[in-house]
């Protein structure tokens, strides 16, 4: 199962609390960074009936890189249909090809399908800072990314996302009346700007409540960098974290009880920002020494991320491309003990056919992830192992392709409904592989033959 940003991953929190080090290697040809693949590609087998059926439904991709003709993405337009939120996954948290493809797909959907928001598995307050940049040119995107994408979010501080953000700003300069937006849906931390916006709104509309609000938010507004703040929060005793969450809840209820005033939109944003502050506190209001509480924290995180996406979509009226790990945009968890229900399932519950997801898989290549020593390494995987989903997917005649899993015929239909080992790599590696039934987890699938590690910035 993929590890996730922040210290909310079961493995990360176990390491944090007990000092245990993950040592299990997965059986998919992992080798150390900088060394050749340990497994040679097997001879190409004769096409099986399953591969033949997949061939009939597959649409080739010209490239993952943004720019140029996008006719090869037209089949994706038909698959998306009228969905207002599209989840686009990634099988690793740090491969260039996944990030570049998201950039390419978003640009295409902006031009051809009217999408206007790029949503990232990053903090809500981070998204607001980047949104200010793409809308108004406020701030320096490189500085924002350096300050916001720390600790387990550091994977987003890469050259691909910087290119995307700069493209979004350039688009808005050309289209000031119809801008694109940037949002973060996650709850790993709430930056100081979020607290400042809430207190400023209260001071304008209900100044008599300012002192009370300041007392409820006492000690919560960050005064240290994001990564340090997250770690310090985790280090607090459980009782203290409970008390902080109790105060943020009271602050939220205080705002909800007030009349919205003449500017209803400003009031709604202030309440949502206060809701996110409360979400962050409640994300840490779990006893991470108890396995059942860790699972509850995982469920809460995915449910809350979905709620934030829905709030944004409904209040901005924009179509949203949601970027997250395959696990989070999917429907069925591969590790239901630790991850009871995923963001994609919550989105489907709320939006129905208004939500569609696209999973990503790969056969071989490299990615960045922290190792057992907690340092960042570049890992390289050889061809997918026997019995895995990727081994069969890579036998399709196209090097890279997309396929609508909902319309694939027999006998591939039954094959797609069967769970089998599938690479789902998060922030830490090595980790145990999970088993995924592709058609039960995703609506659409993009398979890439080879990926390369992303280029992280400021390293």
Protein backbone atom coordinates (compact mmCIF):
# COMPACT_ATOMS: atom_id res chain seq x y z
CA UNK A 1 0.00 0.00 0.00
CA UNK A 2 1.25 3.46 -0.83
CA UNK A 3 2.59 5.68 1.90
CA UNK A 4 1.04 9.12 1.97
CA UNK A 5 2.20 12.71 2.56
CA UNK A 6 2.55 13.87 6.13
CA UNK A 7 3.08 11.55 9.04
CA UNK A 8 -0.35 10.04 8.60
CA UNK A 9 0.85 6.85 6.92
CA UNK A 10 0.74 3.79 9.20
CA UNK A 11 4.35 2.87 8.44
CA UNK A 12 5.58 6.43 8.98
CA UNK A 13 3.78 6.75 12.28
CA UNK A 14 5.03 3.36 13.40
CA UNK A 15 8.60 4.40 12.68
CA UNK A 16 8.01 7.68 14.47
CA UNK A 17 6.62 6.05 17.59
CA UNK A 18 8.69 2.90 17.91
CA UNK A 19 11.81 3.43 15.80
CA UNK A 20 11.12 0.28 13.78
CA UNK A 21 12.65 0.21 10.28
CA UNK A 22 10.89 -1.27 7.31
CA UNK A 23 13.17 -3.96 5.81
CA UNK A 24 10.97 -6.11 3.59
CA UNK A 25 11.83 -6.04 -0.12
CA UNK A 26 9.07 -6.48 -2.68
CA UNK A 27 9.54 -9.16 -5.26
CA UNK A 28 9.43 -6.93 -8.33
CA UNK A 29 13.08 -6.56 -9.23
CA UNK A 30 14.10 -3.64 -6.99
CA UNK A 31 17.73 -2.59 -7.23
CA UNK A 32 19.74 0.22 -5.70
CA UNK A 33 19.93 3.59 -7.39
CA UNK A 34 22.59 3.96 -10.04
CA UNK A 35 22.87 0.23 -10.82
CA UNK A 36 21.53 -1.62 -13.87
CA UNK A 37 18.17 -3.39 -13.72
CA UNK A 38 18.70 -6.77 -12.13
CA UNK A 39 16.12 -8.53 -14.26
CA UNK A 40 16.38 -8.84 -18.02
CA UNK A 41 13.20 -8.46 -20.05
CA UNK A 42 11.64 -11.86 -20.78
CA UNK A 43 11.02 -13.00 -24.35
CA UNK A 44 7.79 -11.60 -25.78
CA UNK A 45 5.13 -14.32 -25.41
CA UNK A 46 2.46 -15.10 -27.93
CA UNK A 47 -0.53 -12.87 -27.33
CA UNK A 48 -2.98 -14.43 -24.88
CA UNK A 49 -6.75 -13.99 -25.26
CA UNK A 50 -6.62 -11.45 -22.42
CA UNK A 51 -3.93 -9.40 -24.16
CA UNK A 52 -5.84 -9.62 -27.44
CA UNK A 53 -8.95 -8.20 -25.76
CA UNK A 54 -6.90 -5.42 -24.15
CA UNK A 55 -5.36 -4.66 -27.55
CA UNK A 56 -8.79 -4.08 -29.04
CA UNK A 57 -9.65 -1.46 -26.41
CA UNK A 58 -6.29 0.30 -26.04
CA UNK A 59 -5.56 3.76 -27.46
CA UNK A 60 -1.89 4.67 -27.98
CA UNK A 61 -0.34 7.69 -26.30
CA UNK A 62 2.03 9.78 -28.41
CA UNK A 63 3.98 11.17 -25.44
CA UNK A 64 3.71 12.10 -21.78
CA UNK A 65 5.32 15.49 -22.34
CA UNK A 66 3.12 18.63 -22.51
CA UNK A 67 3.01 20.71 -25.67
CA UNK A 68 2.23 19.87 -29.25
CA UNK A 69 -0.66 17.98 -30.73
CA UNK A 70 -3.08 16.24 -28.34
CA UNK A 71 -5.21 14.25 -30.78
CA UNK A 72 -4.11 11.08 -28.98
CA UNK A 73 -5.98 12.32 -25.89
CA UNK A 74 -9.33 12.61 -27.66
CA UNK A 75 -10.38 9.12 -26.55
CA UNK A 76 -9.92 10.33 -22.97
CA UNK A 77 -12.40 13.14 -23.64
CA UNK A 78 -15.07 10.59 -24.54
CA UNK A 79 -14.26 8.49 -21.50
CA UNK A 80 -14.58 11.50 -19.18
CA UNK A 81 -17.93 12.49 -20.62
CA UNK A 82 -19.72 14.92 -18.30
CA UNK A 83 -17.63 14.26 -15.16
CA UNK A 84 -16.87 17.42 -13.19
CA UNK A 85 -14.05 15.89 -11.11
CA UNK A 86 -11.45 13.59 -12.68
CA UNK A 87 -8.94 11.83 -10.45
CA UNK A 88 -5.59 11.21 -12.14
CA UNK A 89 -3.32 8.88 -10.21
CA UNK A 90 0.33 7.92 -10.01
CA UNK A 91 1.92 4.57 -9.20
CA UNK A 92 4.88 6.31 -7.51
CA UNK A 93 5.05 9.65 -5.77
CA UNK A 94 8.14 10.80 -7.65
CA UNK A 95 8.43 9.77 -11.30
CA UNK A 96 8.80 12.43 -13.98
CA UNK A 97 6.55 10.66 -16.47
CA UNK A 98 3.54 10.69 -14.13
CA UNK A 99 4.00 14.38 -13.30
CA UNK A 100 4.57 15.34 -16.94
CA UNK A 101 1.48 13.42 -18.06
CA UNK A 102 -0.64 15.25 -15.50
CA UNK A 103 0.64 18.54 -16.87
CA UNK A 104 -0.17 17.43 -20.43
CA UNK A 105 -3.63 16.10 -19.56
CA UNK A 106 -4.56 19.21 -17.59
CA UNK A 107 -3.59 21.54 -20.43
CA UNK A 108 -5.62 19.40 -22.81
CA UNK A 109 -8.67 19.37 -20.55
CA UNK A 110 -8.47 23.13 -20.11
CA UNK A 111 -8.49 23.64 -23.86
CA UNK A 112 -10.94 20.90 -24.88
CA UNK A 113 -13.19 20.10 -21.91
CA UNK A 114 -13.46 23.35 -19.97
CA UNK A 115 -11.55 22.22 -16.88
CA UNK A 116 -10.26 25.11 -14.80
CA UNK A 117 -8.84 23.72 -11.53
CA UNK A 118 -5.76 21.60 -10.89
CA UNK A 119 -6.11 20.00 -7.45
CA UNK A 120 -3.10 18.46 -5.71
CA UNK A 121 -2.65 16.05 -2.82
CA UNK A 122 -1.14 18.96 -0.90
CA UNK A 123 -2.23 21.19 1.97
CA UNK A 124 -5.27 23.45 1.50
CA UNK A 125 -3.28 26.53 2.55
CA UNK A 126 -0.49 25.61 0.11
CA UNK A 127 -3.05 25.51 -2.66
CA UNK A 128 -4.31 28.98 -1.74
CA UNK A 129 -0.78 30.42 -1.97
CA UNK A 130 -0.24 28.86 -5.39
CA UNK A 131 -3.73 29.94 -6.46
CA UNK A 132 -2.81 33.54 -5.61
CA UNK A 133 0.21 33.17 -7.85
CA UNK A 134 -1.57 31.68 -10.86
CA UNK A 135 -4.46 34.16 -10.54
CA UNK A 136 -2.65 37.38 -9.68
CA UNK A 137 1.07 36.75 -10.00
CA UNK A 138 1.41 37.14 -6.23
CA UNK A 139 4.65 35.72 -4.82
CA UNK A 140 7.44 33.62 -6.29
CA UNK A 141 6.35 30.06 -7.18
CA UNK A 142 9.81 28.65 -6.52
CA UNK A 143 9.83 30.14 -3.02
CA UNK A 144 6.25 29.03 -2.35
CA UNK A 145 7.06 25.48 -3.38
CA UNK A 146 10.26 25.46 -1.32
CA UNK A 147 8.45 26.72 1.78
CA UNK A 148 5.33 24.59 1.44
CA UNK A 149 6.55 21.29 0.00
CA UNK A 150 8.58 20.04 2.95
CA UNK A 151 8.89 16.76 4.81
CA UNK A 152 6.57 14.18 3.21
CA UNK A 153 5.27 16.79 0.76
CA UNK A 154 8.75 17.43 -0.61
CA UNK A 155 8.03 15.22 -3.66
CA UNK A 156 5.86 17.99 -5.12
CA UNK A 157 8.82 20.40 -5.18
CA UNK A 158 9.92 19.22 -8.61
CA UNK A 159 10.65 20.75 -11.98
CA UNK A 160 7.52 19.29 -13.58
CA UNK A 161 5.08 20.93 -11.19
CA UNK A 162 6.98 24.20 -11.38
CA UNK A 163 6.54 24.10 -15.15
CA UNK A 164 2.82 23.42 -14.73
CA UNK A 165 2.33 26.30 -12.29
CA UNK A 166 4.19 28.67 -14.58
CA UNK A 167 2.05 27.54 -17.52
CA UNK A 168 -1.08 28.20 -15.46
CA UNK A 169 0.09 31.74 -14.70
CA UNK A 170 0.87 32.38 -18.38
CA UNK A 171 -2.56 31.05 -19.35
CA UNK A 172 -4.26 33.44 -16.95
CA UNK A 173 -2.32 36.41 -18.30
CA UNK A 174 -3.76 35.53 -21.72
CA UNK A 175 -7.26 34.73 -20.37
CA UNK A 176 -7.92 37.08 -17.42
CA UNK A 177 -11.68 36.64 -17.71
CA UNK A 178 -11.61 32.85 -17.61
CA UNK A 179 -8.74 31.80 -15.35
CA UNK A 180 -7.44 28.43 -14.24
CA UNK A 181 -7.12 27.75 -10.51
CA UNK A 182 -4.90 25.74 -8.18
CA UNK A 183 -6.11 24.00 -5.05
CA UNK A 184 -4.74 21.69 -2.37
CA UNK A 185 -7.14 19.24 -0.75
CA UNK A 186 -4.98 17.75 2.01
CA UNK A 187 -4.79 18.41 5.75
CA UNK A 188 -1.16 17.83 6.73
CA UNK A 189 -0.84 21.38 7.98
CA UNK A 190 -2.52 24.79 7.88
CA UNK A 191 -0.15 27.63 7.07
CA UNK A 192 -0.13 30.98 8.91
CA UNK A 193 -1.90 32.66 5.99
CA UNK A 194 -4.98 30.57 6.72
CA UNK A 195 -5.20 31.78 10.31
CA UNK A 196 -4.58 35.36 9.16
CA UNK A 197 -7.42 35.20 6.64
CA UNK A 198 -9.85 33.88 9.26
CA UNK A 199 -8.94 36.45 11.90
CA UNK A 200 -9.05 39.28 9.34
CA UNK A 201 -12.55 38.28 8.24
CA UNK A 202 -13.76 38.15 11.84
CA UNK A 203 -12.15 41.53 12.57
CA UNK A 204 -14.00 43.09 9.61
CA UNK A 205 -17.45 41.64 10.26
CA UNK A 206 -17.54 40.71 13.96
CA UNK A 207 -14.68 42.54 15.72
CA UNK A 208 -16.21 41.76 19.11
CA UNK A 209 -15.27 38.11 18.55
CA UNK A 210 -11.59 38.73 17.78
CA UNK A 211 -10.34 38.23 21.33
CA UNK A 212 -12.30 35.01 21.72
CA UNK A 213 -11.03 33.67 18.40
CA UNK A 214 -7.44 34.51 19.30
CA UNK A 215 -7.78 32.53 22.53
CA UNK A 216 -9.21 29.50 20.71
CA UNK A 217 -6.36 29.57 18.16
CA UNK A 218 -3.72 30.15 20.85
CA UNK A 219 -0.48 28.32 20.01
CA UNK A 220 -1.79 26.95 16.70
CA UNK A 221 -0.70 29.51 14.12
CA UNK A 222 2.62 28.25 12.70
CA UNK A 223 5.76 30.24 13.45
CA UNK A 224 8.21 27.65 12.09
CA UNK A 225 8.65 26.02 8.66
CA UNK A 226 6.05 23.51 7.48
CA UNK A 227 8.17 20.40 8.00
CA UNK A 228 9.19 21.46 11.49
CA UNK A 229 5.60 22.31 12.41
CA UNK A 230 4.30 18.90 11.33
CA UNK A 231 6.99 17.10 13.31
CA UNK A 232 6.44 19.23 16.41
CA UNK A 233 2.71 18.58 16.22
CA UNK A 234 3.31 14.83 16.07
CA UNK A 235 5.65 15.05 19.05
CA UNK A 236 3.00 16.62 21.28
CA UNK A 237 1.37 14.38 23.89
CA UNK A 238 -1.94 12.89 22.82
CA UNK A 239 -3.87 14.83 25.47
CA UNK A 240 -2.46 18.11 24.19
CA UNK A 241 -3.42 17.26 20.62
CA UNK A 242 -6.94 16.43 21.81
CA UNK A 243 -7.23 19.78 23.57
CA UNK A 244 -6.06 21.65 20.46
CA UNK A 245 -8.67 19.89 18.32
CA UNK A 246 -11.36 20.74 20.84
CA UNK A 247 -10.46 24.44 20.53
CA UNK A 248 -10.43 24.47 16.71
CA UNK A 249 -13.85 22.84 16.76
CA UNK A 250 -15.21 25.58 19.01
CA UNK A 251 -13.68 28.24 16.75
CA UNK A 252 -15.41 26.71 13.73
CA UNK A 253 -18.77 26.60 15.50
CA UNK A 254 -18.29 30.21 16.60
CA UNK A 255 -17.94 31.31 12.98
CA UNK A 256 -20.86 29.19 11.81
CA UNK A 257 -23.18 30.84 14.34
CA UNK A 258 -22.51 34.34 13.00
CA UNK A 259 -24.58 36.11 10.37
CA UNK A 260 -22.77 36.06 7.01
CA UNK A 261 -23.10 39.78 6.41
CA UNK A 262 -23.36 41.40 3.00
CA UNK A 263 -20.55 39.39 1.42
CA UNK A 264 -21.79 35.81 1.56
CA UNK A 265 -18.89 34.50 -0.55
CA UNK A 266 -16.29 35.93 1.85
CA UNK A 267 -18.18 34.40 4.79
CA UNK A 268 -18.31 30.99 3.11
CA UNK A 269 -14.55 31.07 2.44
CA UNK A 270 -13.84 32.07 6.05
CA UNK A 271 -15.94 29.17 7.35
CA UNK A 272 -14.25 26.72 4.96
CA UNK A 273 -10.81 27.96 6.02
CA UNK A 274 -11.80 27.51 9.66
CA UNK A 275 -13.09 24.04 8.76
CA UNK A 276 -9.67 23.17 7.31
CA UNK A 277 -7.90 24.42 10.45
CA UNK A 278 -10.20 22.11 12.40
CA UNK A 279 -9.56 19.24 9.96
CA UNK A 280 -5.81 19.56 10.49
CA UNK A 281 -6.19 19.49 14.26
CA UNK A 282 -8.54 16.50 14.10
CA UNK A 283 -6.18 14.65 11.77
CA UNK A 284 -3.70 14.68 14.65
CA UNK A 285 -6.42 13.98 17.22
CA UNK A 286 -5.90 10.22 16.95
CA UNK A 287 -3.91 7.93 19.22
CA UNK A 288 -1.17 6.75 16.85
CA UNK A 289 -0.07 4.09 19.33
CA UNK A 290 -3.28 2.16 18.62
CA UNK A 291 -3.65 0.38 15.24
CA UNK A 292 -7.40 0.91 15.12
CA UNK A 293 -6.90 4.64 15.64
CA UNK A 294 -4.33 4.76 12.83
CA UNK A 295 -6.86 3.17 10.46
CA UNK A 296 -9.46 5.70 11.61
CA UNK A 297 -7.02 8.51 10.87
CA UNK A 298 -6.45 7.15 7.37
CA UNK A 299 -10.17 7.02 6.70
CA UNK A 300 -10.69 10.51 8.10
CA UNK A 301 -7.97 11.92 5.87
CA UNK A 302 -9.44 10.48 2.66
CA UNK A 303 -12.98 11.45 3.59
CA UNK A 304 -11.88 15.02 4.36
CA UNK A 305 -9.82 15.39 1.17
CA UNK A 306 -12.87 14.34 -0.83
CA UNK A 307 -15.07 16.82 1.04
CA UNK A 308 -12.63 19.64 0.31
CA UNK A 309 -12.61 18.83 -3.41
CA UNK A 310 -16.40 18.79 -3.50
CA UNK A 311 -16.58 22.10 -1.62
CA UNK A 312 -14.15 23.70 -4.06
CA UNK A 313 -15.91 22.35 -7.15
CA UNK A 314 -19.31 23.54 -5.98
CA UNK A 315 -18.19 26.97 -4.75
CA UNK A 316 -15.97 27.82 -7.72
CA UNK A 317 -18.14 26.10 -10.32
CA UNK A 318 -15.03 24.75 -12.05
CA UNK A 319 -14.26 21.30 -13.36
CA UNK A 320 -11.40 19.76 -11.38
CA UNK A 321 -8.48 17.53 -12.33
CA UNK A 322 -7.46 15.88 -9.05
CA UNK A 323 -3.84 14.72 -8.80
CA UNK A 324 -3.12 12.11 -6.15
CA UNK A 325 -1.65 8.67 -5.67
CA UNK A 326 -3.42 5.79 -7.41
CA UNK A 327 -4.62 4.60 -4.03
CA UNK A 328 -6.34 7.86 -3.18
CA UNK A 329 -8.16 8.39 -6.47
CA UNK A 330 -9.22 4.72 -6.51
CA UNK A 331 -12.33 2.98 -5.23
CA UNK A 332 -11.12 -0.17 -3.49
CA UNK A 333 -8.18 -0.19 -1.03
CA UNK A 334 -5.52 -2.84 -1.46
CA UNK A 335 -4.90 -2.65 2.31
CA UNK A 336 -8.36 -2.32 3.88
CA UNK A 337 -7.04 -2.97 7.39
CA UNK A 338 -4.99 0.25 7.42
CA UNK A 339 -6.93 2.15 4.74
CA UNK A 340 -10.64 1.34 5.22
CA UNK A 341 -12.01 3.68 2.51
CA UNK A 342 -10.31 5.83 -0.08
CA UNK A 343 -10.90 9.36 -1.38
CA UNK A 344 -12.12 8.08 -4.73
CA UNK A 345 -14.86 6.03 -3.07
CA UNK A 346 -16.01 9.07 -1.06
CA UNK A 347 -16.06 11.18 -4.23
CA UNK A 348 -18.11 8.58 -6.05
CA UNK A 349 -20.55 8.42 -3.13
CA UNK A 350 -21.06 12.19 -3.31
CA UNK A 351 -20.78 12.92 -7.04
CA UNK A 352 -21.88 9.66 -8.64
CA UNK A 353 -21.11 9.82 -12.36
CA UNK A 354 -19.75 13.30 -11.78
CA UNK A 355 -16.53 11.62 -10.65
CA UNK A 356 -14.26 9.54 -12.87
CA UNK A 357 -10.78 8.24 -12.10
CA UNK A 358 -7.72 7.29 -14.13
CA UNK A 359 -5.17 4.91 -12.61
CA UNK A 360 -1.54 4.81 -13.77
CA UNK A 361 0.71 1.76 -14.00
CA UNK A 362 4.24 1.13 -15.29
CA UNK A 363 6.36 -1.87 -16.18
CA UNK A 364 9.86 -0.67 -15.25
CA UNK A 365 11.85 2.43 -14.40
CA UNK A 366 12.92 4.69 -11.57
CA UNK A 367 11.49 6.92 -8.85
CA UNK A 368 12.53 8.80 -5.72
CA UNK A 369 11.53 7.60 -2.25
CA UNK A 370 12.93 7.52 1.25
CA UNK A 371 14.72 4.33 2.20
CA UNK A 372 14.99 2.50 5.53
CA UNK A 373 17.59 5.10 6.56
CA UNK A 374 15.00 7.89 6.00
CA UNK A 375 17.23 9.42 3.31
CA UNK A 376 16.00 10.02 -0.22
CA UNK A 377 17.17 7.48 -2.79
CA UNK A 378 16.63 6.94 -6.49
CA UNK A 379 15.24 3.44 -6.88
CA UNK A 380 15.13 1.45 -10.11
CA UNK A 381 12.79 -1.45 -10.88
CA UNK A 382 13.21 -4.01 -13.62
CA UNK A 383 10.32 -5.55 -15.59
CA UNK A 384 7.24 -6.44 -13.57
CA UNK A 385 7.21 -9.93 -12.09
CA UNK A 386 5.14 -12.95 -13.15
CA UNK A 387 1.54 -12.88 -11.98
CA UNK A 388 1.43 -9.08 -11.69
CA UNK A 389 -1.02 -6.83 -13.47
CA UNK A 390 1.83 -4.94 -15.10
CA UNK A 391 3.35 -8.05 -16.67
CA UNK A 392 0.20 -8.57 -18.76
CA UNK A 393 -0.45 -4.88 -19.38
CA UNK A 394 3.00 -4.47 -20.86
CA UNK A 395 2.28 -7.13 -23.49
CA UNK A 396 -0.27 -4.88 -25.22
CA UNK A 397 1.08 -3.82 -28.62
CA UNK A 398 1.41 -0.12 -27.70
CA UNK A 399 4.36 1.14 -25.67
CA UNK A 400 2.17 3.63 -23.75
CA UNK A 401 -1.61 3.66 -23.93
CA UNK A 402 -4.89 4.43 -22.24
CA UNK A 403 -7.86 2.11 -21.94
CA UNK A 404 -11.44 2.43 -20.69
CA UNK A 405 -11.73 -0.44 -18.22
CA UNK A 406 -15.51 -0.15 -18.17
CA UNK A 407 -15.86 -1.27 -21.79
CA UNK A 408 -13.21 -3.98 -22.16
CA UNK A 409 -14.68 -7.24 -23.43
CA UNK A 410 -14.16 -10.89 -22.47
CA UNK A 411 -12.00 -12.60 -21.44
CA UNK A 412 -10.15 -9.50 -20.21
CA UNK A 413 -13.23 -8.47 -18.24
CA UNK A 414 -12.78 -11.28 -15.71
CA UNK A 415 -9.01 -10.71 -15.65
CA UNK A 416 -9.52 -7.05 -14.78
CA UNK A 417 -11.91 -7.96 -11.96
CA UNK A 418 -9.33 -10.21 -10.28
CA UNK A 419 -6.93 -8.80 -7.67
CA UNK A 420 -3.24 -9.44 -8.26
CA UNK A 421 0.07 -7.81 -7.27
CA UNK A 422 0.37 -4.24 -8.55
CA UNK A 423 3.00 -1.59 -7.89
CA UNK A 424 1.65 1.12 -5.61
CA UNK A 425 4.67 2.98 -4.27
CA UNK A 426 4.36 5.95 -1.96
CA UNK A 427 6.83 8.11 -0.08
CA UNK A 428 8.80 5.22 1.44
CA UNK A 429 10.42 2.19 -0.16
CA UNK A 430 10.79 -0.81 0.01
CA UNK A 431 7.30 -1.81 1.08
CA UNK A 432 5.01 -4.78 0.75
CA UNK A 433 3.13 -5.00 -2.56
CA UNK A 434 -0.64 -4.82 -2.60
CA UNK A 435 -3.13 -6.71 -4.74
CA UNK A 436 -5.45 -4.65 -6.91
CA UNK A 437 -8.35 -5.59 -9.16
CA UNK A 438 -7.93 -2.91 -11.79
CA UNK A 439 -11.53 -2.67 -13.01
CA UNK A 440 -12.87 -2.49 -9.45
CA UNK A 441 -10.47 0.32 -8.55
CA UNK A 442 -10.37 2.48 -11.69
CA UNK A 443 -12.60 3.58 -14.55
CA UNK A 444 -9.75 4.29 -16.95
CA UNK A 445 -6.13 3.14 -16.96
CA UNK A 446 -2.96 4.62 -18.43
CA UNK A 447 -0.07 2.18 -18.75
CA UNK A 448 3.49 3.38 -19.35
CA UNK A 449 6.26 1.02 -20.37
CA UNK A 450 9.05 2.92 -18.61
CA UNK A 451 9.30 5.83 -16.19
CA UNK A 452 12.21 7.88 -14.86
CA UNK A 453 12.71 9.52 -11.51
CA UNK A 454 11.49 13.10 -11.17
CA UNK A 455 13.98 15.92 -10.76
CA UNK A 456 13.51 17.33 -7.28
CA UNK A 457 14.32 20.99 -6.74
CA UNK A 458 16.65 22.50 -4.14
CA UNK A 459 18.62 19.30 -3.74
